[in-house]
PDB file of N, CA and C in Angstrom:
ATOM      1  N   MET A   1       0.843  -1.174   0.000  1.00  0.00           N
ATOM      2  CA  MET A   1       0.000   0.000   0.000  1.00  0.00           C
ATOM      3  C   MET A   1       0.893   1.244   0.000  1.00  0.00           C
ATOM      4  N   SER A   2       0.790   2.056  -1.024  1.00  0.00           N
ATOM      5  CA  SER A   2       1.649   3.232  -1.127  1.00  0.00           C
ATOM      6  C   SER A   2       1.138   4.346  -0.213  1.00  0.00           C
ATOM      7  N   ARG A   3       2.039   5.208   0.151  1.00  0.00           N
ATOM      8  CA  ARG A   3       1.695   6.318   1.039  1.00  0.00           C
ATOM      9  C   ARG A   3       1.326   7.542   0.215  1.00  0.00           C
ATOM     10  N   VAL A   4       0.159   7.462  -0.421  1.00  0.00           N
ATOM     11  CA  VAL A   4      -0.341   8.543  -1.258  1.00  0.00           C
ATOM     12  C   VAL A   4      -1.813   8.767  -0.921  1.00  0.00           C
ATOM     13  N   CYS A   5      -2.207  10.018  -0.772  1.00  0.00           N
ATOM     14  CA  CYS A   5      -3.601  10.371  -0.518  1.00  0.00           C
ATOM     15  C   CYS A   5      -4.414  10.086  -1.780  1.00  0.00           C
ATOM     16  N   GLU A   6      -5.543   9.405  -1.627  1.00  0.00           N
ATOM     17  CA  GLU A   6      -6.367   9.036  -2.781  1.00  0.00           C
ATOM     18  C   GLU A   6      -7.097  10.225  -3.400  1.00  0.00           C
ATOM     19  N   LEU A   7      -7.274  11.297  -2.646  1.00  0.00           N
ATOM     20  CA  LEU A   7      -8.038  12.434  -3.154  1.00  0.00           C
ATOM     21  C   LEU A   7      -7.172  13.597  -3.629  1.00  0.00           C
ATOM     22  N   THR A   8      -6.067  13.858  -2.936  1.00  0.00           N
ATOM     23  CA  THR A   8      -5.254  15.019  -3.302  1.00  0.00           C
ATOM     24  C   THR A   8      -3.943  14.648  -3.965  1.00  0.00           C
ATOM     25  N   GLY A   9      -3.545  13.387  -3.883  1.00  0.00           N
ATOM     26  CA  GLY A   9      -2.283  12.969  -4.482  1.00  0.00           C
ATOM     27  C   GLY A   9      -1.065  13.311  -3.639  1.00  0.00           C
ATOM     28  N   LYS A  10      -1.278  13.808  -2.421  1.00  0.00           N
ATOM     29  CA  LYS A  10      -0.166  14.142  -1.539  1.00  0.00           C
ATOM     30  C   LYS A  10       0.614  12.870  -1.217  1.00  0.00           C
ATOM     31  N   ALA A  11       1.954  12.910  -1.404  1.00  0.00           N
ATOM     32  CA  ALA A  11       2.784  11.713  -1.253  1.00  0.00           C
ATOM     33  C   ALA A  11       3.990  12.017  -0.365  1.00  0.00           C
ATOM     34  N   VAL A  12       4.856  11.028  -0.229  1.00  0.00           N
ATOM     35  CA  VAL A  12       6.064  11.153   0.565  1.00  0.00           C
ATOM     36  C   VAL A  12       6.991  12.183  -0.075  1.00  0.00           C
ATOM     37  N   MET A  13       7.553  13.053   0.772  1.00  0.00           N
ATOM     38  CA  MET A  13       8.543  14.032   0.308  1.00  0.00           C
ATOM     39  C   MET A  13       9.871  13.710   0.987  1.00  0.00           C
ATOM     40  N   SER A  14      10.957  14.159   0.395  1.00  0.00           N
ATOM     41  CA  SER A  14      12.263  13.922   1.011  1.00  0.00           C
ATOM     42  C   SER A  14      12.935  15.251   1.295  1.00  0.00           C
ATOM     43  N   GLY A  15      13.846  15.211   2.254  1.00  0.00           N
ATOM     44  CA  GLY A  15      14.566  16.416   2.650  1.00  0.00           C
ATOM     45  C   GLY A  15      15.754  16.047   3.510  1.00  0.00           C
ATOM     46  N   ASN A  16      16.189  16.980   4.325  1.00  0.00           N
ATOM     47  CA  ASN A  16      17.359  16.768   5.176  1.00  0.00           C
ATOM     48  C   ASN A  16      17.025  16.949   6.643  1.00  0.00           C
ATOM     49  N   ASN A  17      17.648  16.097   7.504  1.00  0.00           N
ATOM     50  CA  ASN A  17      17.755  16.399   8.919  1.00  0.00           C
ATOM     51  C   ASN A  17      18.971  17.298   9.046  1.00  0.00           C
ATOM     52  N   VAL A  18      18.844  18.393   9.756  1.00  0.00           N
ATOM     53  CA  VAL A  18      19.976  19.299   9.919  1.00  0.00           C
ATOM     54  C   VAL A  18      20.287  19.389  11.404  1.00  0.00           C
ATOM     55  N   SER A  19      21.511  18.969  11.773  1.00  0.00           N
ATOM     56  CA  SER A  19      21.914  18.973  13.169  1.00  0.00           C
ATOM     57  C   SER A  19      22.373  20.376  13.589  1.00  0.00           C
ATOM     58  N   HIS A  20      22.657  20.520  14.872  1.00  0.00           N
ATOM     59  CA  HIS A  20      23.155  21.794  15.389  1.00  0.00           C
ATOM     60  C   HIS A  20      24.480  22.167  14.727  1.00  0.00           C
ATOM     61  N   ALA A  21      25.267  21.147  14.367  1.00  0.00           N
ATOM     62  CA  ALA A  21      26.546  21.374  13.686  1.00  0.00           C
ATOM     63  C   ALA A  21      26.365  21.500  12.168  1.00  0.00           C
ATOM     64  N   VAL A  22      25.132  21.589  11.728  1.00  0.00           N
ATOM     65  CA  VAL A  22      24.751  21.732  10.331  1.00  0.00           C
ATOM     66  C   VAL A  22      25.210  20.539   9.483  1.00  0.00           C
ATOM     67  N   ASN A  23      25.223  19.348  10.086  1.00  0.00           N
ATOM     68  CA  ASN A  23      25.423  18.120   9.327  1.00  0.00           C
ATOM     69  C   ASN A  23      24.078  17.755   8.720  1.00  0.00           C
ATOM     70  N   LYS A  24      24.085  17.331   7.466  1.00  0.00           N
ATOM     71  CA  LYS A  24      22.833  17.020   6.785  1.00  0.00           C
ATOM     72  C   LYS A  24      22.761  15.532   6.474  1.00  0.00           C
ATOM     73  N   THR A  25      21.645  14.913   6.849  1.00  0.00           N
ATOM     74  CA  THR A  25      21.374  13.519   6.493  1.00  0.00           C
ATOM     75  C   THR A  25      19.976  13.465   5.894  1.00  0.00           C
ATOM     76  N   ARG A  26      19.785  12.561   4.923  1.00  0.00           N
ATOM     77  CA  ARG A  26      18.505  12.485   4.218  1.00  0.00           C
ATOM     78  C   ARG A  26      17.426  11.896   5.122  1.00  0.00           C
ATOM     79  N   ARG A  27      16.202  12.338   4.917  1.00  0.00           N
ATOM     80  CA  ARG A  27      15.046  11.835   5.656  1.00  0.00           C
ATOM     81  C   ARG A  27      13.810  11.894   4.777  1.00  0.00           C
ATOM     82  N   LYS A  28      12.708  11.284   5.258  1.00  0.00           N
ATOM     83  CA  LYS A  28      11.433  11.299   4.540  1.00  0.00           C
ATOM     84  C   LYS A  28      10.403  12.056   5.365  1.00  0.00           C
ATOM     85  N   PHE A  29       9.567  12.811   4.685  1.00  0.00           N
ATOM     86  CA  PHE A  29       8.413  13.450   5.302  1.00  0.00           C
ATOM     87  C   PHE A  29       7.189  12.664   4.840  1.00  0.00           C
ATOM     88  N   LEU A  30       6.546  11.954   5.768  1.00  0.00           N
ATOM     89  CA  LEU A  30       5.395  11.119   5.430  1.00  0.00           C
ATOM     90  C   LEU A  30       4.097  11.911   5.571  1.00  0.00           C
ATOM     91  N   PRO A  31       3.145  11.739   4.662  1.00  0.00           N
ATOM     92  CA  PRO A  31       1.854  12.419   4.808  1.00  0.00           C
ATOM     93  C   PRO A  31       1.050  11.788   5.945  1.00  0.00           C
ATOM     94  N   ASN A  32       0.208  12.583   6.563  1.00  0.00           N
ATOM     95  CA  ASN A  32      -0.626  12.112   7.677  1.00  0.00           C
ATOM     96  C   ASN A  32      -1.868  11.430   7.096  1.00  0.00           C
ATOM     97  N   LEU A  33      -1.748  10.148   6.760  1.00  0.00           N
ATOM     98  CA  LEU A  33      -2.843   9.414   6.118  1.00  0.00           C
ATOM     99  C   LEU A  33      -3.747   8.758   7.151  1.00  0.00           C
ATOM    100  N   GLN A  34      -5.041   8.817   6.895  1.00  0.00           N
ATOM    101  CA  GLN A  34      -6.051   8.220   7.759  1.00  0.00           C
ATOM    102  C   GLN A  34      -6.990   7.372   6.917  1.00  0.00           C
ATOM    103  N   GLN A  35      -7.480   6.283   7.493  1.00  0.00           N
ATOM    104  CA  GLN A  35      -8.499   5.445   6.843  1.00  0.00           C
ATOM    105  C   GLN A  35      -9.855   5.959   7.312  1.00  0.00           C
ATOM    106  N   VAL A  36     -10.665   6.519   6.401  1.00  0.00           N
ATOM    107  CA  VAL A  36     -11.947   7.106   6.784  1.00  0.00           C
ATOM    108  C   VAL A  36     -13.075   6.598   5.901  1.00  0.00           C
ATOM    109  N   SER A  37     -14.291   6.631   6.442  1.00  0.00           N
ATOM    110  CA  SER A  37     -15.510   6.343   5.680  1.00  0.00           C
ATOM    111  C   SER A  37     -16.275   7.639   5.541  1.00  0.00           C
ATOM    112  N   LEU A  38     -16.534   8.044   4.320  1.00  0.00           N
ATOM    113  CA  LEU A  38     -17.256   9.281   4.059  1.00  0.00           C
ATOM    114  C   LEU A  38     -18.590   8.949   3.405  1.00  0.00           C
ATOM    115  N   PRO A  39     -19.699   9.456   3.954  1.00  0.00           N
ATOM    116  CA  PRO A  39     -21.016   9.145   3.376  1.00  0.00           C
ATOM    117  C   PRO A  39     -21.273   9.918   2.092  1.00  0.00           C
ATOM    118  N   SER A  40     -21.697   9.207   1.057  1.00  0.00           N
ATOM    119  CA  SER A  40     -22.064   9.822  -0.211  1.00  0.00           C
ATOM    120  C   SER A  40     -23.587   9.929  -0.282  1.00  0.00           C
ATOM    121  N   GLU A  41     -24.081  11.141  -0.454  1.00  0.00           N
ATOM    122  CA  GLU A  41     -25.533  11.347  -0.537  1.00  0.00           C
ATOM    123  C   GLU A  41     -26.083  10.851  -1.869  1.00  0.00           C
ATOM    124  N   LYS A  42     -25.325  11.045  -2.940  1.00  0.00           N
ATOM    125  CA  LYS A  42     -25.804  10.662  -4.277  1.00  0.00           C
ATOM    126  C   LYS A  42     -25.822   9.148  -4.468  1.00  0.00           C
ATOM    127  N   LEU A  43     -24.786   8.456  -3.957  1.00  0.00           N
ATOM    128  CA  LEU A  43     -24.709   7.000  -4.124  1.00  0.00           C
ATOM    129  C   LEU A  43     -25.441   6.255  -3.013  1.00  0.00           C
ATOM    130  N   GLY A  44     -25.719   6.935  -1.901  1.00  0.00           N
ATOM    131  CA  GLY A  44     -26.464   6.324  -0.806  1.00  0.00           C
ATOM    132  C   GLY A  44     -25.675   5.297  -0.022  1.00  0.00           C
ATOM    133  N   LYS A  45     -24.365   5.446   0.044  1.00  0.00           N
ATOM    134  CA  LYS A  45     -23.546   4.517   0.823  1.00  0.00           C
ATOM    135  C   LYS A  45     -22.288   5.228   1.311  1.00  0.00           C
ATOM    136  N   ALA A  46     -21.599   4.581   2.235  1.00  0.00           N
ATOM    137  CA  ALA A  46     -20.354   5.140   2.765  1.00  0.00           C
ATOM    138  C   ALA A  46     -19.184   4.673   1.895  1.00  0.00           C
ATOM    139  N   LEU A  47     -18.283   5.585   1.594  1.00  0.00           N
ATOM    140  CA  LEU A  47     -17.117   5.285   0.767  1.00  0.00           C
ATOM    141  C   LEU A  47     -15.875   5.303   1.644  1.00  0.00           C
ATOM    142  N   LYS A  48     -15.057   4.250   1.558  1.00  0.00           N
ATOM    143  CA  LYS A  48     -13.835   4.179   2.348  1.00  0.00           C
ATOM    144  C   LYS A  48     -12.662   4.700   1.537  1.00  0.00           C
ATOM    145  N   PHE A  49     -11.887   5.583   2.143  1.00  0.00           N
ATOM    146  CA  PHE A  49     -10.718   6.168   1.505  1.00  0.00           C
ATOM    147  C   PHE A  49      -9.550   6.177   2.469  1.00  0.00           C
ATOM    148  N   ARG A  50      -8.343   6.235   1.918  1.00  0.00           N
ATOM    149  CA  ARG A  50      -7.130   6.467   2.697  1.00  0.00           C
ATOM    150  C   ARG A  50      -6.638   7.849   2.279  1.00  0.00           C
ATOM    151  N   ILE A  51      -6.974   8.843   3.097  1.00  0.00           N
ATOM    152  CA  ILE A  51      -6.697  10.232   2.719  1.00  0.00           C
ATOM    153  C   ILE A  51      -5.898  10.939   3.800  1.00  0.00           C
ATOM    154  N   SER A  52      -5.298  12.060   3.423  1.00  0.00           N
ATOM    155  CA  SER A  52      -4.535  12.868   4.373  1.00  0.00           C
ATOM    156  C   SER A  52      -5.505  13.672   5.240  1.00  0.00           C
ATOM    157  N   ALA A  53      -5.021  14.102   6.390  1.00  0.00           N
ATOM    158  CA  ALA A  53      -5.832  14.916   7.297  1.00  0.00           C
ATOM    159  C   ALA A  53      -6.211  16.230   6.619  1.00  0.00           C
ATOM    160  N   HIS A  54      -5.326  16.766   5.800  1.00  0.00           N
ATOM    161  CA  HIS A  54      -5.602  18.002   5.060  1.00  0.00           C
ATOM    162  C   HIS A  54      -6.754  17.791   4.080  1.00  0.00           C
ATOM    163  N   ALA A  55      -6.764  16.657   3.401  1.00  0.00           N
ATOM    164  CA  ALA A  55      -7.846  16.358   2.451  1.00  0.00           C
ATOM    165  C   ALA A  55      -9.173  16.189   3.183  1.00  0.00           C
ATOM    166  N   LEU A  56      -9.142  15.600   4.366  1.00  0.00           N
ATOM    167  CA  LEU A  56     -10.365  15.415   5.145  1.00  0.00           C
ATOM    168  C   LEU A  56     -10.969  16.767   5.514  1.00  0.00           C
ATOM    169  N   ARG A  57     -10.124  17.718   5.905  1.00  0.00           N
ATOM    170  CA  ARG A  57     -10.598  19.066   6.216  1.00  0.00           C
ATOM    171  C   ARG A  57     -11.180  19.736   4.976  1.00  0.00           C
ATOM    172  N   THR A  58     -10.557  19.514   3.832  1.00  0.00           N
ATOM    173  CA  THR A  58     -11.026  20.106   2.586  1.00  0.00           C
ATOM    174  C   THR A  58     -12.381  19.530   2.185  1.00  0.00           C
ATOM    175  N   VAL A  59     -12.546  18.214   2.334  1.00  0.00           N
ATOM    176  CA  VAL A  59     -13.824  17.564   2.019  1.00  0.00           C
ATOM    177  C   VAL A  59     -14.931  18.155   2.890  1.00  0.00           C
ATOM    178  N   GLU A  60     -14.655  18.334   4.188  1.00  0.00           N
ATOM    179  CA  GLU A  60     -15.649  18.911   5.096  1.00  0.00           C
ATOM    180  C   GLU A  60     -15.976  20.348   4.699  1.00  0.00           C
ATOM    181  N   HIS A  61     -14.956  21.103   4.294  1.00  0.00           N
ATOM    182  CA  HIS A  61     -15.143  22.508   3.950  1.00  0.00           C
ATOM    183  C   HIS A  61     -15.977  22.674   2.666  1.00  0.00           C
ATOM    184  N   VAL A  62     -15.725  21.815   1.685  1.00  0.00           N
ATOM    185  CA  VAL A  62     -16.420  21.913   0.399  1.00  0.00           C
ATOM    186  C   VAL A  62     -17.887  21.490   0.524  1.00  0.00           C
ATOM    187  N   GLY A  63     -18.186  20.594   1.457  1.00  0.00           N
ATOM    188  CA  GLY A  63     -19.574  20.190   1.642  1.00  0.00           C
ATOM    189  C   GLY A  63     -19.829  18.718   1.414  1.00  0.00           C
ATOM    190  N   GLY A  64     -18.825  17.886   1.592  1.00  0.00           N
ATOM    191  CA  GLY A  64     -19.008  16.449   1.461  1.00  0.00           C
ATOM    192  C   GLY A  64     -18.203  15.864   0.316  1.00  0.00           C
ATOM    193  N   ILE A  65     -18.155  14.537   0.294  1.00  0.00           N
ATOM    194  CA  ILE A  65     -17.325  13.830  -0.684  1.00  0.00           C
ATOM    195  C   ILE A  65     -17.869  14.007  -2.104  1.00  0.00           C
ATOM    196  N   ASP A  66     -19.187  14.090  -2.260  1.00  0.00           N
ATOM    197  CA  ASP A  66     -19.770  14.257  -3.595  1.00  0.00           C
ATOM    198  C   ASP A  66     -19.324  15.574  -4.231  1.00  0.00           C
ATOM    199  N   ALA A  67     -19.447  16.656  -3.484  1.00  0.00           N
ATOM    200  CA  ALA A  67     -19.049  17.974  -3.989  1.00  0.00           C
ATOM    201  C   ALA A  67     -17.552  18.030  -4.246  1.00  0.00           C
ATOM    202  N   PHE A  68     -16.772  17.409  -3.356  1.00  0.00           N
ATOM    203  CA  PHE A  68     -15.317  17.424  -3.523  1.00  0.00           C
ATOM    204  C   PHE A  68     -14.903  16.701  -4.802  1.00  0.00           C
ATOM    205  N   LEU A  69     -15.450  15.516  -5.022  1.00  0.00           N
ATOM    206  CA  LEU A  69     -15.072  14.734  -6.198  1.00  0.00           C
ATOM    207  C   LEU A  69     -15.485  15.426  -7.495  1.00  0.00           C
ATOM    208  N   LEU A  70     -16.652  16.035  -7.516  1.00  0.00           N
ATOM    209  CA  LEU A  70     -17.103  16.719  -8.726  1.00  0.00           C
ATOM    210  C   LEU A  70     -16.235  17.943  -9.034  1.00  0.00           C
ATOM    211  N   LYS A  71     -15.692  18.559  -7.995  1.00  0.00           N
ATOM    212  CA  LYS A  71     -14.882  19.764  -8.159  1.00  0.00           C
ATOM    213  C   LYS A  71     -13.410  19.449  -8.428  1.00  0.00           C
ATOM    214  N   ALA A  72     -12.942  18.252  -8.044  1.00  0.00           N
ATOM    215  CA  ALA A  72     -11.523  17.901  -8.122  1.00  0.00           C
ATOM    216  C   ALA A  72     -11.068  17.653  -9.559  1.00  0.00           C
ATOM    217  N   LYS A  73      -9.784  17.894  -9.806  1.00  0.00           N
ATOM    218  CA  LYS A  73      -9.185  17.616 -11.113  1.00  0.00           C
ATOM    219  C   LYS A  73      -8.921  16.119 -11.232  1.00  0.00           C
ATOM    220  N   ASP A  74      -9.124  15.578 -12.427  1.00  0.00           N
ATOM    221  CA  ASP A  74      -8.959  14.145 -12.649  1.00  0.00           C
ATOM    222  C   ASP A  74      -7.521  13.682 -12.434  1.00  0.00           C
ATOM    223  N   ALA A  75      -6.554  14.525 -12.702  1.00  0.00           N
ATOM    224  CA  ALA A  75      -5.142  14.133 -12.624  1.00  0.00           C
ATOM    225  C   ALA A  75      -4.700  13.784 -11.214  1.00  0.00           C
ATOM    226  N   GLN A  76      -5.282  14.424 -10.198  1.00  0.00           N
ATOM    227  CA  GLN A  76      -4.828  14.167  -8.843  1.00  0.00           C
ATOM    228  C   GLN A  76      -5.585  13.045  -8.136  1.00  0.00           C
ATOM    229  N   LEU A  77      -6.701  12.609  -8.697  1.00  0.00           N
ATOM    230  CA  LEU A  77      -7.495  11.543  -8.076  1.00  0.00           C
ATOM    231  C   LEU A  77      -6.930  10.171  -8.401  1.00  0.00           C
ATOM    232  N   SER A  78      -7.117   9.233  -7.465  1.00  0.00           N
ATOM    233  CA  SER A  78      -6.717   7.851  -7.709  1.00  0.00           C
ATOM    234  C   SER A  78      -7.704   7.232  -8.701  1.00  0.00           C
ATOM    235  N   PRO A  79      -7.342   6.112  -9.331  1.00  0.00           N
ATOM    236  CA  PRO A  79      -8.273   5.475 -10.282  1.00  0.00           C
ATOM    237  C   PRO A  79      -9.621   5.116  -9.652  1.00  0.00           C
ATOM    238  N   ARG A  80      -9.607   4.670  -8.401  1.00  0.00           N
ATOM    239  CA  ARG A  80     -10.848   4.315  -7.714  1.00  0.00           C
ATOM    240  C   ARG A  80     -11.711   5.558  -7.456  1.00  0.00           C
ATOM    241  N   ALA A  81     -11.078   6.648  -7.044  1.00  0.00           N
ATOM    242  CA  ALA A  81     -11.805   7.894  -6.801  1.00  0.00           C
ATOM    243  C   ALA A  81     -12.362   8.460  -8.113  1.00  0.00           C
ATOM    244  N   LEU A  82     -11.607   8.299  -9.196  1.00  0.00           N
ATOM    245  CA  LEU A  82     -12.060   8.764 -10.507  1.00  0.00           C
ATOM    246  C   LEU A  82     -13.305   7.988 -10.951  1.00  0.00           C
ATOM    247  N   LYS A  83     -13.311   6.703 -10.691  1.00  0.00           N
ATOM    248  CA  LYS A  83     -14.460   5.858 -11.027  1.00  0.00           C
ATOM    249  C   LYS A  83     -15.695   6.298 -10.222  1.00  0.00           C
ATOM    250  N   LEU A  84     -15.494   6.598  -8.937  1.00  0.00           N
ATOM    251  CA  LEU A  84     -16.597   7.063  -8.094  1.00  0.00           C
ATOM    252  C   LEU A  84     -17.098   8.430  -8.545  1.00  0.00           C
ATOM    253  N   LYS A  85     -16.178   9.277  -9.004  1.00  0.00           N
ATOM    254  CA  LYS A  85     -16.561  10.598  -9.513  1.00  0.00           C
ATOM    255  C   LYS A  85     -17.488  10.455 -10.718  1.00  0.00           C
ATOM    256  N   LYS A  86     -17.167   9.527 -11.608  1.00  0.00           N
ATOM    257  CA  LYS A  86     -17.999   9.300 -12.792  1.00  0.00           C
ATOM    258  C   LYS A  86     -19.373   8.756 -12.410  1.00  0.00           C
ATOM    259  N   GLN A  87     -19.424   7.873 -11.398  1.00  0.00           N
ATOM    260  CA  GLN A  87     -20.701   7.339 -10.934  1.00  0.00           C
ATOM    261  C   GLN A  87     -21.570   8.441 -10.341  1.00  0.00           C
ATOM    262  N   ILE A  88     -20.957   9.334  -9.572  1.00  0.00           N
ATOM    263  CA  ILE A  88     -21.696  10.443  -8.957  1.00  0.00           C
ATOM    264  C   ILE A  88     -22.215  11.394 -10.028  1.00  0.00           C
ATOM    265  N   ALA A  89     -21.371  11.704 -11.025  1.00  0.00           N
ATOM    266  CA  ALA A  89     -21.788  12.596 -12.108  1.00  0.00           C
ATOM    267  C   ALA A  89     -22.934  11.985 -12.906  1.00  0.00           C
ATOM    268  N   LEU A  90     -22.888  10.673 -13.136  1.00  0.00           N
ATOM    269  CA  LEU A  90     -23.943   9.978 -13.852  1.00  0.00           C
ATOM    270  C   LEU A  90     -25.249  10.007 -13.049  1.00  0.00           C
ATOM    271  N   ARG A  91     -25.142   9.773 -11.761  1.00  0.00           N
ATOM    272  CA  ARG A  91     -26.316   9.783 -10.885  1.00  0.00           C
ATOM    273  C   ARG A  91     -26.926  11.179 -10.821  1.00  0.00           C
ATOM    274  N   LEU A  92     -26.058  12.199 -10.835  1.00  0.00           N
ATOM    275  CA  LEU A  92     -26.519  13.588 -10.796  1.00  0.00           C
ATOM    276  C   LEU A  92     -27.232  13.960 -12.098  1.00  0.00           C
ATOM    277  N   ALA A  93     -26.715  13.447 -13.232  1.00  0.00           N
ATOM    278  CA  ALA A  93     -27.308  13.756 -14.536  1.00  0.00           C
ATOM    279  C   ALA A  93     -28.678  13.097 -14.721  1.00  0.00           C
ATOM    280  N   THR A  94     -28.857  11.905 -14.173  1.00  0.00           N
ATOM    281  CA  THR A  94     -30.122  11.188 -14.343  1.00  0.00           C
ATOM    282  C   THR A  94     -31.223  11.683 -13.417  1.00  0.00           C
ATOM    283  N   SER A  95     -30.821  12.339 -12.311  1.00  0.00           N
ATOM    284  CA  SER A  95     -31.877  12.796 -11.375  1.00  0.00           C
ATOM    285  C   SER A  95     -32.271  14.230 -11.588  1.00  0.00           C
TER     286      SER A  95
END
């Protein structure tokens, strides 16, 4: 399981640990990923995602997972999230 947010594409970054003596050693910055269930109003079920805490705040701010997915760019979404976005758009068009 890769350490990538399914909604925002936020992934592992690399950088340096810098000591008091300014010695530099490589390190990784891991995203704060959480396993969450978000209720979809259009699909009528809960969707499970592995997303960053930042993405969770954004989903809440936008007004739910349905609104977030419809507003998000296709390039940053995971294949599973992209498939759900298409299902939501189809459900929205038929109703």
